[in-house]
C-alpha cells in the first residue's frame, strides 16, 4: 500500500513533536520510508532516518501525507498537495476537528489499519481562484474551504457584481461574499448563515456577508459552474480576495476574479467506519437531549 510517507506538523508547534516522533518510529519499524516537511518540521529533533525536504520536493516523493495539528494546519498542507493527487490523513491535537478527525490516542491503531488497507477515502471539491488585471493573470491559488471577497479595514460596504457561467446573477452592497465548498460549508459560511452541504455533493454555496438588502439569500450552484466577481469602481483599495482565511490578494475595479472547481480533488482518508453525521452531532451538539 503506502510506502513513502510524508509527515507535516503544526508551525512553531512544539506540542506536536512527541506525536511526530511516535509516528516516525512506528513507520520506520514497519519498513516505510519517511520524510518530514521542512517548513513545518524544521525544529523537530533531527532524525537521520526521516530527512527534511522542502514541500515541493516532498510532494514529488510521497504517496501518503500525514498532518499532525489542527484544521488550520490541515488547510495549509491540503492546498499544497491537492494537485499531486496524494491522500492525506489528519491527526488532531486540538479540539475535535472537521478535517483532522483522528485523536493521538487512536493514532497508532489507525495507522496499523491504514497500512493494512483498512480505511475510507473521500474525494472533496477544491476551489481554484484566478485574478486577472487587463487580461494578465496576477494571482492564482487553491482553497479547500472557501474563497471570500471581503472589505479591507473599512466601515464602508463594498459593491460588486456576481456572474455564474457568464450569466449575471446579482449586484450587491455588503461586507463581502463567501464561495464555499461542501467542506467549507461548516466553517465561515456556516457562521454567516449559509447551508450545510453534504461532503459528497458536487456543489458550491454563495453566502453574502451582511448584505444591504433583505432579499439577498444563500444560493447553491453546481460544482461545474464558474463564478466571476467584478468589483465596482467604489471598491478601489477597499476589497480583497481571501483563500481559506490564510492567503489574501487585494483587488480593484480593473480586476476580474474567477472561481471554479480545481481540476484535482482533495483525497481525504478516514478510519474505517467514519460517519460524517456523527462528526456533525459532536461538533454542533445535535445529539444533545432537550431538557
C-alpha atoms as a PDB file:
ATOM      1  CA  UNK A   1       0.000   0.000   0.000  1.00  0.00           C
ATOM      2  CA  UNK A   2       1.589   3.254   1.167  1.00  0.00           C
ATOM      3  CA  UNK A   3       5.387   3.047   1.129  1.00  0.00           C
ATOM      4  CA  UNK A   4       6.726   6.631   1.005  1.00  0.00           C
ATOM      5  CA  UNK A   5       5.112   8.763   3.680  1.00  0.00           C
ATOM      6  CA  UNK A   6       5.427  12.486   4.398  1.00  0.00           C
ATOM      7  CA  UNK A   7       4.712  13.989   7.804  1.00  0.00           C
ATOM      8  CA  UNK A   8       3.586  17.597   8.196  1.00  0.00           C
ATOM      9  CA  UNK A   9       3.450  19.399  11.542  1.00  0.00           C
ATOM     10  CA  UNK A  10       1.978  22.467  13.166  1.00  0.00           C
ATOM     11  CA  UNK A  11       4.067  25.605  12.589  1.00  0.00           C
ATOM     12  CA  UNK A  12       6.003  26.538  15.741  1.00  0.00           C
ATOM     13  CA  UNK A  13       4.142  23.739  17.468  1.00  0.00           C
ATOM     14  CA  UNK A  14       6.410  22.012  19.933  1.00  0.00           C
ATOM     15  CA  UNK A  15       3.357  20.140  21.196  1.00  0.00           C
ATOM     16  CA  UNK A  16       3.339  18.004  18.048  1.00  0.00           C
ATOM     17  CA  UNK A  17       6.937  16.766  18.247  1.00  0.00           C
ATOM     18  CA  UNK A  18       6.140  13.895  20.607  1.00  0.00           C
ATOM     19  CA  UNK A  19       3.380  12.609  18.337  1.00  0.00           C
ATOM     20  CA  UNK A  20       5.530  13.009  15.238  1.00  0.00           C
ATOM     21  CA  UNK A  21       8.324  11.107  16.981  1.00  0.00           C
ATOM     22  CA  UNK A  22       5.946   8.245  17.759  1.00  0.00           C
ATOM     23  CA  UNK A  23       4.744   8.222  14.146  1.00  0.00           C
ATOM     24  CA  UNK A  24       8.274   8.208  12.718  1.00  0.00           C
ATOM     25  CA  UNK A  25       9.333   5.295  14.946  1.00  0.00           C
ATOM     26  CA  UNK A  26       6.187   3.338  14.077  1.00  0.00           C
ATOM     27  CA  UNK A  27       6.531   3.851  10.314  1.00  0.00           C
ATOM     28  CA  UNK A  28      10.258   3.021  10.258  1.00  0.00           C
ATOM     29  CA  UNK A  29       9.542  -0.124  12.264  1.00  0.00           C
ATOM     30  CA  UNK A  30       7.080  -1.087   9.533  1.00  0.00           C
ATOM     31  CA  UNK A  31       9.740  -0.595   6.835  1.00  0.00           C
ATOM     32  CA  UNK A  32       8.268   2.607   5.423  1.00  0.00           C
ATOM     33  CA  UNK A  33      10.317   5.475   4.005  1.00  0.00           C
ATOM     34  CA  UNK A  34       9.561   8.628   5.991  1.00  0.00           C
ATOM     35  CA  UNK A  35      10.151  12.280   5.090  1.00  0.00           C
ATOM     36  CA  UNK A  36       9.470  15.395   7.167  1.00  0.00           C
ATOM     37  CA  UNK A  37       8.091  18.650   5.768  1.00  0.00           C
ATOM     38  CA  UNK A  38      10.856  21.234   6.236  1.00  0.00           C
ATOM     39  CA  UNK A  39       8.625  24.362   6.509  1.00  0.00           C
ATOM     40  CA  UNK A  40       6.641  22.914   9.421  1.00  0.00           C
ATOM     41  CA  UNK A  41       9.069  20.414  10.980  1.00  0.00           C
ATOM     42  CA  UNK A  42      12.418  22.188  10.793  1.00  0.00           C
ATOM     43  CA  UNK A  43      12.586  22.445  14.613  1.00  0.00           C
ATOM     44  CA  UNK A  44      11.812  18.764  15.090  1.00  0.00           C
ATOM     45  CA  UNK A  45      14.699  16.939  16.839  1.00  0.00           C
ATOM     46  CA  UNK A  46      16.802  15.619  13.974  1.00  0.00           C
ATOM     47  CA  UNK A  47      16.281  12.043  12.844  1.00  0.00           C
ATOM     48  CA  UNK A  48      18.717  10.805  10.197  1.00  0.00           C
ATOM     49  CA  UNK A  49      16.183   8.203   9.083  1.00  0.00           C
ATOM     50  CA  UNK A  50      13.491  10.826   8.401  1.00  0.00           C
ATOM     51  CA  UNK A  51      15.116  13.600   6.353  1.00  0.00           C
ATOM     52  CA  UNK A  52      13.682  17.093   5.983  1.00  0.00           C
ATOM     53  CA  UNK A  53      12.584  18.109   2.497  1.00  0.00           C
ATOM     54  CA  UNK A  54      11.171  21.289   1.046  1.00  0.00           C
ATOM     55  CA  UNK A  55       7.454  20.892   0.407  1.00  0.00           C
ATOM     56  CA  UNK A  56       7.558  20.666  -3.374  1.00  0.00           C
ATOM     57  CA  UNK A  57      10.317  18.047  -3.348  1.00  0.00           C
ATOM     58  CA  UNK A  58       8.494  16.164  -0.591  1.00  0.00           C
ATOM     59  CA  UNK A  59       5.227  16.034  -2.533  1.00  0.00           C
ATOM     60  CA  UNK A  60       7.017  14.524  -5.516  1.00  0.00           C
ATOM     61  CA  UNK A  61       8.275  11.594  -3.419  1.00  0.00           C
ATOM     62  CA  UNK A  62       5.380  10.547  -1.188  1.00  0.00           C
ATOM     63  CA  UNK A  63       2.214   8.509  -1.709  1.00  0.00           C
ATOM     64  CA  UNK A  64       0.633   9.395   1.666  1.00  0.00           C
ATOM     65  CA  UNK A  65       0.612  12.629   3.693  1.00  0.00           C
ATOM     66  CA  UNK A  66       0.039  12.659   7.457  1.00  0.00           C
ATOM     67  CA  UNK A  67      -0.774  16.024   9.013  1.00  0.00           C
ATOM     68  CA  UNK A  68      -0.316  16.460  12.765  1.00  0.00           C
ATOM     69  CA  UNK A  69      -2.054  19.596  14.064  1.00  0.00           C
ATOM     70  CA  UNK A  70      -5.444  21.256  13.678  1.00  0.00           C
ATOM     71  CA  UNK A  71      -7.825  22.156  10.872  1.00  0.00           C
ATOM     72  CA  UNK A  72      -5.925  25.378  10.116  1.00  0.00           C
ATOM     73  CA  UNK A  73      -2.672  23.492   9.583  1.00  0.00           C
ATOM     74  CA  UNK A  74      -4.550  20.904   7.555  1.00  0.00           C
ATOM     75  CA  UNK A  75      -5.865  23.580   5.168  1.00  0.00           C
ATOM     76  CA  UNK A  76      -2.361  24.930   4.571  1.00  0.00           C
ATOM     77  CA  UNK A  77      -0.997  21.473   3.768  1.00  0.00           C
ATOM     78  CA  UNK A  78      -4.020  20.369   1.722  1.00  0.00           C
ATOM     79  CA  UNK A  79      -3.831  23.402  -0.588  1.00  0.00           C
ATOM     80  CA  UNK A  80      -0.245  22.454  -1.405  1.00  0.00           C
ATOM     81  CA  UNK A  81      -0.755  18.752  -2.049  1.00  0.00           C
ATOM     82  CA  UNK A  82      -4.176  18.688  -3.759  1.00  0.00           C
ATOM     83  CA  UNK A  83      -2.699  18.851  -7.252  1.00  0.00           C
ATOM     84  CA  UNK A  84      -0.313  15.958  -6.512  1.00  0.00           C
ATOM     85  CA  UNK A  85      -3.202  13.501  -6.012  1.00  0.00           C
ATOM     86  CA  UNK A  86      -1.801  12.447  -2.624  1.00  0.00           C
ATOM     87  CA  UNK A  87      -4.207  11.160   0.063  1.00  0.00           C
ATOM     88  CA  UNK A  88      -3.994  12.981   3.388  1.00  0.00           C
ATOM     89  CA  UNK A  89      -4.691  11.781   6.917  1.00  0.00           C
ATOM     90  CA  UNK A  90      -5.257  14.266   9.758  1.00  0.00           C
ATOM     91  CA  UNK A  91      -4.110  13.708  13.361  1.00  0.00           C
ATOM     92  CA  UNK A  92      -5.883  16.251  15.567  1.00  0.00           C
ATOM     93  CA  UNK A  93      -4.006  17.809  18.501  1.00  0.00           C
ATOM     94  CA  UNK A  94      -6.690  20.298  19.498  1.00  0.00           C
ATOM     95  CA  UNK A  95     -10.437  20.126  19.741  1.00  0.00           C
ATOM     96  CA  UNK A  96     -12.395  17.705  17.591  1.00  0.00           C
ATOM     97  CA  UNK A  97     -11.878  18.835  14.026  1.00  0.00           C
ATOM     98  CA  UNK A  98     -13.944  18.516  10.863  1.00  0.00           C
ATOM     99  CA  UNK A  99     -10.831  17.666   8.848  1.00  0.00           C
ATOM    100  CA  UNK A 100      -8.388  16.287  11.427  1.00  0.00           C
ATOM    101  CA  UNK A 101     -10.598  13.634  12.943  1.00  0.00           C
ATOM    102  CA  UNK A 102      -8.091  11.166  14.434  1.00  0.00           C
ATOM    103  CA  UNK A 103      -7.074  11.629  18.057  1.00  0.00           C
ATOM    104  CA  UNK A 104      -3.473  10.969  19.239  1.00  0.00           C
ATOM    105  CA  UNK A 105      -4.844   8.132  21.393  1.00  0.00           C
ATOM    106  CA  UNK A 106      -6.123   6.363  18.264  1.00  0.00           C
ATOM    107  CA  UNK A 107      -3.202   7.348  16.033  1.00  0.00           C
ATOM    108  CA  UNK A 108      -1.219   4.100  16.056  1.00  0.00           C
ATOM    109  CA  UNK A 109      -4.274   1.850  15.818  1.00  0.00           C
ATOM    110  CA  UNK A 110      -5.487   3.888  12.842  1.00  0.00           C
ATOM    111  CA  UNK A 111      -2.065   3.769  11.190  1.00  0.00           C
ATOM    112  CA  UNK A 112      -1.946  -0.011  11.548  1.00  0.00           C
ATOM    113  CA  UNK A 113      -5.300  -0.227   9.787  1.00  0.00           C
ATOM    114  CA  UNK A 114      -4.320   2.259   7.059  1.00  0.00           C
ATOM    115  CA  UNK A 115      -1.100   0.406   6.279  1.00  0.00           C
ATOM    116  CA  UNK A 116      -3.165  -2.786   6.049  1.00  0.00           C
ATOM    117  CA  UNK A 117      -5.520  -1.097   3.564  1.00  0.00           C
ATOM    118  CA  UNK A 118      -8.394  -0.686   6.015  1.00  0.00           C
ATOM    119  CA  UNK A 119      -9.705   2.879   5.684  1.00  0.00           C
ATOM    120  CA  UNK A 120     -12.295   5.063   3.962  1.00  0.00           C
ATOM    121  CA  UNK A 121     -11.428   7.617   1.299  1.00  0.00           C
ATOM    122  CA  UNK A 122     -13.364  10.708   0.276  1.00  0.00           C
ATOM    123  CA  UNK A 123     -12.739  12.954  -2.690  1.00  0.00           C
ATOM    124  CA  UNK A 124     -13.595  16.552  -1.852  1.00  0.00           C
ATOM    125  CA  UNK A 125     -14.057  19.516  -4.194  1.00  0.00           C
ATOM    126  CA  UNK A 126     -11.280  22.126  -4.166  1.00  0.00           C
ATOM    127  CA  UNK A 127     -11.693  25.699  -5.391  1.00  0.00           C
ATOM    128  CA  UNK A 128      -9.323  27.439  -7.762  1.00  0.00           C
ATOM    129  CA  UNK A 129      -9.331  31.242  -7.827  1.00  0.00           C
ATOM    130  CA  UNK A 130      -7.670  33.315 -10.543  1.00  0.00           C
ATOM    131  CA  UNK A 131      -7.394  37.112 -10.613  1.00  0.00           C
ATOM    132  CA  UNK A 132      -6.693  38.927 -13.880  1.00  0.00           C
ATOM    133  CA  UNK A 133      -5.696  42.541 -14.483  1.00  0.00           C
ATOM    134  CA  UNK A 134      -6.422  43.645 -18.048  1.00  0.00           C
ATOM    135  CA  UNK A 135      -6.170  40.046 -19.226  1.00  0.00           C
ATOM    136  CA  UNK A 136      -2.964  39.219 -17.351  1.00  0.00           C
ATOM    137  CA  UNK A 137      -3.005  36.615 -14.583  1.00  0.00           C
ATOM    138  CA  UNK A 138      -1.728  38.232 -11.377  1.00  0.00           C
ATOM    139  CA  UNK A 139      -2.878  35.758  -8.720  1.00  0.00           C
ATOM    140  CA  UNK A 140      -3.810  32.094  -8.597  1.00  0.00           C
ATOM    141  CA  UNK A 141      -4.482  29.911  -5.565  1.00  0.00           C
ATOM    142  CA  UNK A 142      -6.422  26.894  -4.340  1.00  0.00           C
ATOM    143  CA  UNK A 143      -8.877  26.826  -1.451  1.00  0.00           C
ATOM    144  CA  UNK A 144     -10.173  23.827   0.464  1.00  0.00           C
ATOM    145  CA  UNK A 145     -12.861  25.628   2.484  1.00  0.00           C
ATOM    146  CA  UNK A 146     -13.710  28.892   0.786  1.00  0.00           C
ATOM    147  CA  UNK A 147     -12.830  31.895  -1.319  1.00  0.00           C
ATOM    148  CA  UNK A 148     -14.080  35.190   0.138  1.00  0.00           C
ATOM    149  CA  UNK A 149     -14.383  38.666  -1.324  1.00  0.00           C
ATOM    150  CA  UNK A 150     -14.151  40.983   1.669  1.00  0.00           C
ATOM    151  CA  UNK A 151     -13.765  44.622   2.534  1.00  0.00           C
ATOM    152  CA  UNK A 152     -10.408  45.832   3.892  1.00  0.00           C
ATOM    153  CA  UNK A 153     -10.385  47.565   7.295  1.00  0.00           C
ATOM    154  CA  UNK A 154     -13.138  49.984   6.387  1.00  0.00           C
ATOM    155  CA  UNK A 155     -16.596  50.640   7.837  1.00  0.00           C
ATOM    156  CA  UNK A 156     -17.886  51.099   4.291  1.00  0.00           C
ATOM    157  CA  UNK A 157     -19.523  48.230   2.452  1.00  0.00           C
ATOM    158  CA  UNK A 158     -18.154  47.103  -0.884  1.00  0.00           C
ATOM    159  CA  UNK A 159     -20.177  46.847  -4.090  1.00  0.00           C
ATOM    160  CA  UNK A 160     -19.635  44.091  -6.627  1.00  0.00           C
ATOM    161  CA  UNK A 161     -21.381  42.017  -9.269  1.00  0.00           C
ATOM    162  CA  UNK A 162     -21.570  38.224  -9.440  1.00  0.00           C
ATOM    163  CA  UNK A 163     -21.785  36.184 -12.645  1.00  0.00           C
ATOM    164  CA  UNK A 164     -22.293  32.416 -12.876  1.00  0.00           C
ATOM    165  CA  UNK A 165     -21.172  30.754 -16.126  1.00  0.00           C
ATOM    166  CA  UNK A 166     -21.142  34.154 -17.783  1.00  0.00           C
ATOM    167  CA  UNK A 167     -24.714  34.955 -16.719  1.00  0.00           C
ATOM    168  CA  UNK A 168     -25.384  37.927 -14.471  1.00  0.00           C
ATOM    169  CA  UNK A 169     -26.642  36.770 -11.058  1.00  0.00           C
ATOM    170  CA  UNK A 170     -26.798  39.910  -8.934  1.00  0.00           C
ATOM    171  CA  UNK A 171     -25.260  43.157  -7.807  1.00  0.00           C
ATOM    172  CA  UNK A 172     -24.864  43.748  -4.103  1.00  0.00           C
ATOM    173  CA  UNK A 173     -23.560  46.078  -1.452  1.00  0.00           C
ATOM    174  CA  UNK A 174     -22.333  44.144   1.551  1.00  0.00           C
ATOM    175  CA  UNK A 175     -19.287  43.306   3.646  1.00  0.00           C
ATOM    176  CA  UNK A 176     -18.452  40.633   1.075  1.00  0.00           C
ATOM    177  CA  UNK A 177     -19.375  37.134  -0.027  1.00  0.00           C
ATOM    178  CA  UNK A 178     -18.206  33.590   0.727  1.00  0.00           C
ATOM    179  CA  UNK A 179     -17.892  30.994  -2.022  1.00  0.00           C
ATOM    180  CA  UNK A 180     -17.720  27.727  -0.071  1.00  0.00           C
ATOM    181  CA  UNK A 181     -17.122  24.090  -0.919  1.00  0.00           C
ATOM    182  CA  UNK A 182     -19.143  21.412   0.908  1.00  0.00           C
ATOM    183  CA  UNK A 183     -16.058  21.022   3.123  1.00  0.00           C
ATOM    184  CA  UNK A 184     -16.140  24.736   3.932  1.00  0.00           C
ATOM    185  CA  UNK A 185     -19.894  24.843   4.466  1.00  0.00           C
ATOM    186  CA  UNK A 186     -19.306  24.091   8.172  1.00  0.00           C
ATOM    187  CA  UNK A 187     -16.692  26.868   8.511  1.00  0.00           C
ATOM    188  CA  UNK A 188     -17.011  30.623   7.837  1.00  0.00           C
ATOM    189  CA  UNK A 189     -20.072  30.109   5.622  1.00  0.00           C
ATOM    190  CA  UNK A 190     -21.955  28.415   8.461  1.00  0.00           C
ATOM    191  CA  UNK A 191     -21.351  31.338  10.832  1.00  0.00           C
ATOM    192  CA  UNK A 192     -22.663  33.683   8.120  1.00  0.00           C
ATOM    193  CA  UNK A 193     -25.935  31.778   7.861  1.00  0.00           C
ATOM    194  CA  UNK A 194     -25.074  29.509   4.948  1.00  0.00           C
ATOM    195  CA  UNK A 195     -26.375  25.964   4.430  1.00  0.00           C
ATOM    196  CA  UNK A 196     -24.503  22.833   5.493  1.00  0.00           C
ATOM    197  CA  UNK A 197     -23.697  20.826   2.365  1.00  0.00           C
ATOM    198  CA  UNK A 198     -23.039  17.098   2.427  1.00  0.00           C
ATOM    199  CA  UNK A 199     -19.348  16.473   1.572  1.00  0.00           C
ATOM    200  CA  UNK A 200     -20.361  14.179  -1.309  1.00  0.00           C
ATOM    201  CA  UNK A 201     -22.273  16.930  -3.124  1.00  0.00           C
ATOM    202  CA  UNK A 202     -20.759  18.433  -6.261  1.00  0.00           C
ATOM    203  CA  UNK A 203     -21.836  21.964  -5.418  1.00  0.00           C
ATOM    204  CA  UNK A 204     -20.744  25.337  -4.035  1.00  0.00           C
ATOM    205  CA  UNK A 205     -22.631  27.820  -1.897  1.00  0.00           C
ATOM    206  CA  UNK A 206     -22.631  31.613  -2.276  1.00  0.00           C
ATOM    207  CA  UNK A 207     -23.193  33.298   1.083  1.00  0.00           C
ATOM    208  CA  UNK A 208     -23.315  37.099   1.393  1.00  0.00           C
ATOM    209  CA  UNK A 209     -21.867  38.879   4.417  1.00  0.00           C
ATOM    210  CA  UNK A 210     -24.228  41.454   5.919  1.00  0.00           C
ATOM    211  CA  UNK A 211     -25.912  42.397   2.621  1.00  0.00           C
ATOM    212  CA  UNK A 212     -27.677  45.744   2.403  1.00  0.00           C
ATOM    213  CA  UNK A 213     -30.954  44.124   1.371  1.00  0.00           C
ATOM    214  CA  UNK A 214     -33.213  41.552   2.986  1.00  0.00           C
ATOM    215  CA  UNK A 215     -33.751  39.757  -0.338  1.00  0.00           C
ATOM    216  CA  UNK A 216     -30.161  38.507  -0.608  1.00  0.00           C
ATOM    217  CA  UNK A 217     -30.057  34.873   0.477  1.00  0.00           C
ATOM    218  CA  UNK A 218     -27.519  31.999   0.305  1.00  0.00           C
ATOM    219  CA  UNK A 219     -27.522  30.337  -3.088  1.00  0.00           C
ATOM    220  CA  UNK A 220     -26.251  26.848  -4.043  1.00  0.00           C
ATOM    221  CA  UNK A 221     -24.849  26.239  -7.533  1.00  0.00           C
ATOM    222  CA  UNK A 222     -23.447  23.277  -9.434  1.00  0.00           C
ATOM    223  CA  UNK A 223     -19.818  22.311  -8.910  1.00  0.00           C
ATOM    224  CA  UNK A 224     -19.337  22.624 -12.678  1.00  0.00           C
ATOM    225  CA  UNK A 225     -20.048  26.354 -12.516  1.00  0.00           C
ATOM    226  CA  UNK A 226     -17.563  29.180 -12.898  1.00  0.00           C
ATOM    227  CA  UNK A 227     -18.157  32.253 -10.736  1.00  0.00           C
ATOM    228  CA  UNK A 228     -16.916  35.683 -11.755  1.00  0.00           C
ATOM    229  CA  UNK A 229     -16.681  38.609  -9.334  1.00  0.00           C
ATOM    230  CA  UNK A 230     -16.379  42.180 -10.584  1.00  0.00           C
ATOM    231  CA  UNK A 231     -15.672  44.897  -8.055  1.00  0.00           C
ATOM    232  CA  UNK A 232     -17.480  48.212  -8.573  1.00  0.00           C
ATOM    233  CA  UNK A 233     -15.498  51.418  -9.098  1.00  0.00           C
ATOM    234  CA  UNK A 234     -16.184  52.344  -5.467  1.00  0.00           C
ATOM    235  CA  UNK A 235     -14.103  49.331  -4.358  1.00  0.00           C
ATOM    236  CA  UNK A 236     -10.741  50.918  -5.200  1.00  0.00           C
ATOM    237  CA  UNK A 237      -8.297  49.868  -2.439  1.00  0.00           C
ATOM    238  CA  UNK A 238     -11.102  48.534  -0.250  1.00  0.00           C
ATOM    239  CA  UNK A 239     -11.606  44.899  -1.342  1.00  0.00           C
ATOM    240  CA  UNK A 240      -9.570  41.706  -1.248  1.00  0.00           C
ATOM    241  CA  UNK A 241      -9.801  38.022  -2.050  1.00  0.00           C
ATOM    242  CA  UNK A 242      -9.084  35.616   0.826  1.00  0.00           C
ATOM    243  CA  UNK A 243      -8.443  31.865   0.440  1.00  0.00           C
ATOM    244  CA  UNK A 244      -9.206  29.687   3.481  1.00  0.00           C
ATOM    245  CA  UNK A 245      -8.700  32.736   5.702  1.00  0.00           C
ATOM    246  CA  UNK A 246      -4.938  32.418   5.101  1.00  0.00           C
ATOM    247  CA  UNK A 247      -3.952  33.772   1.659  1.00  0.00           C
ATOM    248  CA  UNK A 248      -5.002  37.255   0.548  1.00  0.00           C
ATOM    249  CA  UNK A 249      -4.915  39.314  -2.633  1.00  0.00           C
ATOM    250  CA  UNK A 250      -6.099  42.923  -2.978  1.00  0.00           C
ATOM    251  CA  UNK A 251      -8.413  43.588  -5.895  1.00  0.00           C
ATOM    252  CA  UNK A 252      -9.643  46.732  -7.632  1.00  0.00           C
ATOM    253  CA  UNK A 253     -12.262  47.578 -10.283  1.00  0.00           C
ATOM    254  CA  UNK A 254      -9.755  46.764 -13.048  1.00  0.00           C
ATOM    255  CA  UNK A 255      -9.535  43.153 -11.857  1.00  0.00           C
ATOM    256  CA  UNK A 256     -11.641  40.183 -12.875  1.00  0.00           C
ATOM    257  CA  UNK A 257     -11.826  37.334 -10.361  1.00  0.00           C
ATOM    258  CA  UNK A 258     -12.828  33.817 -11.446  1.00  0.00           C
ATOM    259  CA  UNK A 259     -13.576  30.936  -9.085  1.00  0.00           C
ATOM    260  CA  UNK A 260     -14.203  27.376 -10.234  1.00  0.00           C
ATOM    261  CA  UNK A 261     -13.580  23.777  -9.233  1.00  0.00           C
ATOM    262  CA  UNK A 262      -9.919  22.791  -9.240  1.00  0.00           C
ATOM    263  CA  UNK A 263      -9.079  20.023 -11.750  1.00  0.00           C
ATOM    264  CA  UNK A 264      -7.778  17.823  -8.915  1.00  0.00           C
ATOM    265  CA  UNK A 265      -9.773  16.753  -5.876  1.00  0.00           C
ATOM    266  CA  UNK A 266      -8.616  16.513  -2.275  1.00  0.00           C
ATOM    267  CA  UNK A 267      -8.182  12.875  -1.268  1.00  0.00           C
ATOM    268  CA  UNK A 268      -9.124  12.627   2.399  1.00  0.00           C
ATOM    269  CA  UNK A 269      -8.597   9.425   4.403  1.00  0.00           C
ATOM    270  CA  UNK A 270     -10.667   8.400   7.432  1.00  0.00           C
ATOM    271  CA  UNK A 271     -10.646   5.387   9.761  1.00  0.00           C
ATOM    272  CA  UNK A 272     -12.950   2.568   8.735  1.00  0.00           C
ATOM    273  CA  UNK A 273     -16.471   3.267   9.995  1.00  0.00           C
ATOM    274  CA  UNK A 274     -16.108   7.068   9.817  1.00  0.00           C
ATOM    275  CA  UNK A 275     -19.546   8.722   9.951  1.00  0.00           C
ATOM    276  CA  UNK A 276     -19.855  12.375   8.932  1.00  0.00           C
ATOM    277  CA  UNK A 277     -23.220  12.644  10.683  1.00  0.00           C
ATOM    278  CA  UNK A 278     -21.581  11.560  13.927  1.00  0.00           C
ATOM    279  CA  UNK A 279     -18.990  14.307  13.452  1.00  0.00           C
ATOM    280  CA  UNK A 280     -21.728  16.890  12.884  1.00  0.00           C
ATOM    281  CA  UNK A 281     -23.542  15.784  16.007  1.00  0.00           C
ATOM    282  CA  UNK A 282     -20.377  16.074  18.073  1.00  0.00           C
ATOM    283  CA  UNK A 283     -19.300  19.474  16.696  1.00  0.00           C
ATOM    284  CA  UNK A 284     -22.738  21.096  16.528  1.00  0.00           C
ATOM    285  CA  UNK A 285     -24.177  19.302  19.543  1.00  0.00           C
ATOM    286  CA  UNK A 286     -27.092  17.973  17.557  1.00  0.00           C
ATOM    287  CA  UNK A 287     -27.141  14.885  19.752  1.00  0.00           C
ATOM    288  CA  UNK A 288     -27.841  16.775  22.980  1.00  0.00           C
ATOM    289  CA  UNK A 289     -31.165  15.896  24.555  1.00  0.00           C
ATOM    290  CA  UNK A 290     -33.513  18.776  25.258  1.00  0.00           C
ATOM    291  CA  UNK A 291     -34.286  19.267  28.934  1.00  0.00           C
END
